[in-house]
Amino acid sequence: MTEFGFPFRIDSAGRTADAAEDAHVRQLVEQLLFTEPGERVNRPDFGGGLRRLLFAANSPEVASATEYLVQGALQRFLGDRIQIEAVKVKNIQEKLEVTVQYRLLRTQERRVERFSQAI
């Protein structure tokens, strides 16, 4: 089964580029993490809101709260595709790094993905 690729583009055959399910789910997680709530017109509550944390204080409390919020957003918007096993958030100098461990519900394949956003 294939899904639209992210970012949306045209492939070499002149058709809409697609992605396999595991790649598509990774792309969905990335979109959720780095979309700000209110950014999408028809889904104003969609988003993980990580960009606003780029300039937040670097402390264990902020990291813990962020992990909780990210895990909640992942469960809410992608809970029908993945089972979240762990979320780790690090604010390392000029970048924010998020590690998400999850299991694809359809295939039971375990994945660990790292995402980062530079300031």
Protein backbone atom coordinates (compact mmCIF):
# COMPACT_ATOMS: atom_id res chain seq x y z
CA MET A 1 0.00 0.00 0.00
CA THR A 2 1.37 3.42 -0.89
CA GLU A 3 0.49 6.91 0.26
CA PHE A 4 1.35 10.41 -0.93
CA GLY A 5 4.98 11.33 -0.26
CA PHE A 6 5.92 14.30 1.90
CA PRO A 7 6.67 16.91 0.88
CA PHE A 8 4.15 16.72 -1.97
CA ARG A 9 5.98 16.50 -5.29
CA ILE A 10 5.90 15.05 -8.78
CA ASP A 11 8.09 12.00 -9.45
CA SER A 12 10.24 11.30 -12.52
CA ALA A 13 7.28 9.67 -14.31
CA GLY A 14 5.22 12.85 -13.95
CA ARG A 15 2.90 11.39 -11.31
CA THR A 16 2.33 12.25 -7.67
CA ALA A 17 5.25 10.85 -5.67
CA ASP A 18 4.27 8.16 -3.22
CA ALA A 19 5.77 6.56 -0.14
CA ALA A 20 5.58 3.09 1.36
CA GLU A 21 3.55 2.80 4.56
CA ASP A 22 6.51 2.89 6.97
CA ALA A 23 7.99 5.96 5.24
CA HIS A 24 4.55 7.60 5.12
CA VAL A 25 4.01 7.10 8.87
CA ARG A 26 7.43 8.62 9.58
CA GLN A 27 6.45 11.60 7.42
CA LEU A 28 3.16 11.93 9.32
CA VAL A 29 5.03 11.98 12.64
CA GLU A 30 7.38 14.68 11.30
CA GLN A 31 4.46 16.78 10.07
CA LEU A 32 2.72 16.52 13.43
CA LEU A 33 5.80 17.43 15.44
CA PHE A 34 6.75 20.53 13.48
CA THR A 35 3.29 21.90 12.68
CA GLU A 36 2.13 24.65 15.02
CA PRO A 37 -1.43 24.41 16.36
CA GLY A 38 -3.49 26.91 14.38
CA GLU A 39 -1.28 26.62 11.30
CA ARG A 40 -3.73 24.44 9.34
CA VAL A 41 -6.97 26.13 8.41
CA ASN A 42 -9.24 23.08 8.45
CA ARG A 43 -7.52 21.42 11.43
CA PRO A 44 -6.64 24.24 13.84
CA ASP A 45 -5.92 21.87 16.72
CA PHE A 46 -3.45 19.74 14.71
CA GLY A 47 0.22 20.07 15.62
CA GLY A 48 2.90 19.27 18.14
CA GLY A 49 4.02 22.86 18.61
CA LEU A 50 7.73 22.11 18.97
CA ARG A 51 8.91 25.29 17.26
CA ARG A 52 7.80 27.47 20.15
CA LEU A 53 10.11 25.45 22.42
CA LEU A 54 13.26 26.28 20.48
CA PHE A 55 13.83 29.38 22.61
CA ALA A 56 12.55 27.92 25.89
CA ALA A 57 14.84 27.31 28.82
CA ASN A 58 16.85 24.12 28.60
CA SER A 59 15.81 22.24 31.72
CA PRO A 60 14.72 18.73 32.69
CA GLU A 61 11.28 20.06 33.61
CA VAL A 62 10.71 21.59 30.16
CA ALA A 63 11.97 18.42 28.46
CA SER A 64 9.65 16.26 30.57
CA ALA A 65 6.61 18.44 29.89
CA THR A 66 7.43 18.48 26.18
CA GLU A 67 7.69 14.69 26.08
CA TYR A 68 4.25 14.44 27.68
CA LEU A 69 2.70 16.92 25.21
CA VAL A 70 4.32 15.27 22.19
CA GLN A 71 3.21 11.82 23.29
CA GLY A 72 -0.35 13.10 23.75
CA ALA A 73 -0.40 14.70 20.28
CA LEU A 74 0.99 11.55 18.68
CA GLN A 75 -1.60 9.40 20.42
CA ARG A 76 -4.44 11.75 19.51
CA PHE A 77 -3.66 12.20 15.83
CA LEU A 78 -1.80 9.01 14.90
CA GLY A 79 -3.11 6.53 17.47
CA ASP A 80 -4.98 4.63 14.77
CA ARG A 81 -1.68 3.85 12.96
CA ILE A 82 0.97 3.59 15.68
CA GLN A 83 1.45 2.61 19.30
CA ILE A 84 3.81 5.06 20.98
CA GLU A 85 6.37 3.33 23.19
CA ALA A 86 8.68 6.21 24.13
CA VAL A 87 9.32 9.88 23.42
CA LYS A 88 12.57 11.68 24.33
CA VAL A 89 13.13 15.40 23.81
CA LYS A 90 16.51 17.16 24.03
CA ASN A 91 17.30 20.84 23.60
CA ILE A 92 20.95 20.78 22.50
CA GLN A 93 22.39 24.26 22.03
CA GLU A 94 21.06 25.40 18.65
CA LYS A 95 18.73 22.48 17.90
CA LEU A 96 15.81 20.55 19.29
CA GLU A 97 16.02 16.77 18.96
CA VAL A 98 13.04 14.46 19.37
CA THR A 99 13.32 10.66 19.40
CA VAL A 100 10.10 8.70 18.98
CA GLN A 101 9.89 4.94 19.43
CA TYR A 102 6.70 3.40 18.12
CA ARG A 103 5.19 0.24 16.71
CA LEU A 104 3.23 0.19 13.43
CA LEU A 105 -0.15 -1.30 14.30
CA ARG A 106 -0.73 -2.93 10.92
CA THR A 107 2.60 -4.80 10.74
CA GLN A 108 3.75 -4.70 14.40
CA GLU A 109 7.13 -3.43 13.16
CA ARG A 110 9.03 -1.40 15.77
CA ARG A 111 10.57 1.89 14.62
CA VAL A 112 12.82 4.46 16.28
CA GLU A 113 12.95 7.81 14.50
CA ARG A 114 14.92 10.96 15.31
CA PHE A 115 13.79 14.41 14.25
CA SER A 116 15.62 17.68 14.75
CA GLN A 117 14.90 21.33 14.16
CA ALA A 118 17.62 23.97 14.09
CA ILE A 119 17.00 27.39 15.57
